[in-house]
Amino acid sequence: MLSHLIPIAIGWLLIGASYQQQEPKVCGVEFSSWLQERPDLSAVTPFHEDSIHGGLERVRGPSLAYPDELRRAGWEGAVHVAAVIDTTGRVVHAEAMSSDAAQTRAQSGADSLTVQQATALLAQAAVDLIAHTEFSPGQYEGHPVSTVTCIQVQLTLLGTS
């Protein structure tokens, strides 16, 4: 009977040894790598959003300032912004991690923009919005903590001609 238990025990050991927890990501980038590449954030020591319990709700902030150039040329898109929110809910770091632009109507002449120009304008508008927004701070064991999160900002042309 003992011989039947040994293979099962070895199987458990092999399964346990091969299991590895995946590194949390910030907008698709490994959290530790992302943080290491930003030494200016070392004083903040932010938690990853997966480690916190509560918080990160928008408290107040400006409305999105849709760039006129994008509106005239018919561009819209989505931007993923990595943001560090401190213990008071203030955004201390915001950067565009990815941005996708799509033109909803063809334009030519003075209003035309390249995809790269539109993408850069979309990214800047999203970063400006997040940087000036106040959030409720992340909570860890009942205490406010600095937190890194990824926020998607969708810029769409609703009701414009």
Protein backbone atom coordinates (compact mmCIF):
# COMPACT_ATOMS: atom_id res chain seq x y z
CA MET A 1 0.00 0.00 0.00
CA LEU A 2 2.85 2.40 0.73
CA SER A 3 4.22 1.92 -2.82
CA HIS A 4 1.00 3.43 -4.22
CA LEU A 5 1.43 6.57 -2.15
CA ILE A 6 5.00 7.33 -3.20
CA PRO A 7 4.22 8.11 -6.89
CA ILE A 8 1.33 10.33 -5.84
CA ALA A 9 3.56 12.18 -3.38
CA ILE A 10 6.25 12.61 -6.04
CA GLY A 11 3.61 13.82 -8.49
CA TRP A 12 2.51 16.46 -6.01
CA LEU A 13 6.08 17.58 -5.54
CA LEU A 14 6.64 17.86 -9.28
CA ILE A 15 3.43 19.80 -9.81
CA GLY A 16 4.23 22.13 -6.92
CA ALA A 17 7.79 22.69 -8.13
CA SER A 18 6.72 23.55 -11.68
CA TYR A 19 4.05 26.07 -10.64
CA GLN A 20 5.19 29.69 -10.92
CA GLN A 21 3.12 32.75 -10.22
CA GLN A 22 3.10 35.23 -13.09
CA GLU A 23 4.60 38.67 -12.60
CA PRO A 24 1.89 41.35 -12.34
CA LYS A 25 1.80 43.74 -15.29
CA VAL A 26 1.27 47.48 -15.73
CA CYS A 27 -0.48 48.04 -19.06
CA GLY A 28 1.12 44.85 -20.39
CA VAL A 29 4.64 45.46 -19.02
CA GLU A 30 6.06 43.47 -16.09
CA PHE A 31 5.58 45.52 -12.92
CA SER A 32 9.11 45.07 -11.54
CA SER A 33 10.70 46.03 -14.88
CA TRP A 34 8.39 49.02 -15.26
CA LEU A 35 9.21 50.26 -11.76
CA GLN A 36 12.95 49.63 -12.15
CA GLU A 37 13.03 51.79 -15.30
CA ARG A 38 11.60 54.72 -13.34
CA PRO A 39 14.08 55.56 -10.56
CA ASP A 40 12.21 58.81 -9.87
CA LEU A 41 9.43 56.66 -8.35
CA SER A 42 11.72 54.92 -5.83
CA ALA A 43 10.65 57.31 -3.06
CA VAL A 44 6.99 56.42 -3.65
CA THR A 45 7.36 52.59 -3.54
CA PRO A 46 3.95 51.92 -5.09
CA PHE A 47 1.94 48.73 -4.70
CA HIS A 48 0.59 47.01 -7.80
CA GLU A 49 -3.18 47.37 -8.18
CA ASP A 50 -3.61 43.57 -7.75
CA SER A 51 -2.22 43.84 -4.18
CA ILE A 52 -4.66 46.40 -2.84
CA HIS A 53 -8.15 46.16 -1.44
CA GLY A 54 -10.36 49.09 -2.43
CA GLY A 55 -9.71 52.60 -3.58
CA LEU A 56 -8.74 53.93 -7.01
CA GLU A 57 -12.16 55.42 -7.64
CA ARG A 58 -12.28 58.77 -9.44
CA VAL A 59 -13.13 61.47 -6.90
CA ARG A 60 -12.91 64.58 -9.07
CA GLY A 61 -11.15 65.92 -12.09
CA PRO A 62 -11.50 67.78 -15.33
CA SER A 63 -13.50 66.73 -18.35
CA LEU A 64 -11.49 65.43 -21.25
CA ALA A 65 -10.11 68.23 -23.40
CA TYR A 66 -10.52 66.71 -26.86
CA PRO A 67 -7.82 68.25 -29.07
CA ASP A 68 -9.36 70.44 -31.80
CA GLU A 69 -6.96 69.05 -34.41
CA LEU A 70 -8.24 65.52 -33.75
CA ARG A 71 -11.87 66.60 -33.80
CA ARG A 72 -11.51 68.47 -37.11
CA ALA A 73 -9.63 65.61 -38.74
CA GLY A 74 -12.00 62.93 -37.40
CA TRP A 75 -9.58 60.97 -35.21
CA GLU A 76 -10.50 58.92 -32.13
CA GLY A 77 -8.94 56.07 -30.20
CA ALA A 78 -7.98 54.42 -26.93
CA VAL A 79 -4.99 55.13 -24.71
CA HIS A 80 -3.68 53.01 -21.83
CA VAL A 81 -2.18 55.26 -19.17
CA ALA A 82 0.02 53.92 -16.37
CA ALA A 83 -0.62 56.04 -13.29
CA VAL A 84 0.90 56.16 -9.82
CA ILE A 85 -1.63 57.36 -7.28
CA ASP A 86 -0.19 58.38 -3.90
CA THR A 87 -1.63 57.91 -0.40
CA THR A 88 -3.71 61.08 -0.74
CA GLY A 89 -5.23 60.11 -4.11
CA ARG A 90 -3.08 62.52 -6.11
CA VAL A 91 -1.56 61.30 -9.39
CA VAL A 92 2.22 61.64 -9.04
CA HIS A 93 3.13 59.98 -12.34
CA ALA A 94 1.17 59.37 -15.55
CA GLU A 95 2.43 58.12 -18.89
CA ALA A 96 0.88 56.70 -22.03
CA MET A 97 1.84 53.06 -22.44
CA SER A 98 -0.06 52.42 -25.66
CA SER A 99 -2.28 54.42 -27.94
CA ASP A 100 -4.38 53.40 -30.92
CA ALA A 101 -5.79 56.01 -33.28
CA ALA A 102 -8.41 55.50 -35.96
CA GLN A 103 -9.76 58.02 -38.40
CA THR A 104 -13.57 58.02 -38.54
CA ARG A 105 -13.84 60.11 -41.68
CA ALA A 106 -11.43 61.00 -44.44
CA GLN A 107 -9.94 64.48 -44.36
CA SER A 108 -7.47 66.24 -46.57
CA GLY A 109 -5.72 69.55 -46.65
CA ALA A 110 -4.97 71.60 -43.54
CA ASP A 111 -6.93 69.30 -41.20
CA SER A 112 -5.12 66.10 -42.18
CA LEU A 113 -2.87 64.39 -39.62
CA THR A 114 -0.62 61.37 -39.87
CA VAL A 115 -1.37 58.34 -37.71
CA GLN A 116 1.72 59.15 -35.62
CA GLN A 117 0.57 62.74 -35.04
CA ALA A 118 -2.95 61.64 -34.11
CA THR A 119 -1.62 58.94 -31.79
CA ALA A 120 0.66 61.42 -30.02
CA LEU A 121 -2.17 63.95 -29.59
CA LEU A 122 -4.53 61.26 -28.24
CA ALA A 123 -1.87 60.05 -25.80
CA GLN A 124 -1.16 63.57 -24.53
CA ALA A 125 -4.86 64.32 -24.01
CA ALA A 126 -5.31 61.10 -22.02
CA VAL A 127 -2.21 61.69 -19.87
CA ASP A 128 -3.31 65.28 -19.15
CA LEU A 129 -6.75 64.05 -18.10
CA ILE A 130 -5.39 61.38 -15.73
CA ALA A 131 -2.65 63.63 -14.33
CA HIS A 132 -5.26 66.17 -13.22
CA THR A 133 -7.75 63.67 -11.77
CA GLU A 134 -8.02 62.89 -8.05
CA PHE A 135 -8.68 59.31 -6.99
CA SER A 136 -9.42 57.61 -3.72
CA PRO A 137 -6.11 56.05 -2.62
CA GLY A 138 -5.53 52.31 -2.77
CA GLN A 139 -5.98 50.48 0.53
CA TYR A 140 -3.75 47.74 1.94
CA GLU A 141 -4.62 46.23 5.32
CA GLY A 142 -6.84 49.23 6.02
CA HIS A 143 -4.17 51.86 5.27
CA PRO A 144 -3.83 54.12 2.21
CA VAL A 145 -0.93 53.14 -0.05
CA SER A 146 0.62 54.46 -3.25
CA THR A 147 -0.57 52.33 -6.13
CA VAL A 148 0.31 51.73 -9.78
CA THR A 149 -2.63 51.12 -12.06
CA CYS A 150 -3.44 51.04 -15.76
CA ILE A 151 -6.33 53.23 -16.88
CA GLN A 152 -7.88 53.04 -20.34
CA VAL A 153 -9.07 56.36 -21.72
CA GLN A 154 -11.40 56.11 -24.70
CA LEU A 155 -11.57 59.22 -26.89
CA THR A 156 -14.57 59.17 -29.22
CA LEU A 157 -16.25 61.72 -31.44
CA LEU A 158 -19.82 61.71 -30.23
CA GLY A 159 -22.17 64.08 -31.95
CA THR A 160 -19.50 65.91 -33.92
CA SER A 161 -19.71 66.56 -37.61
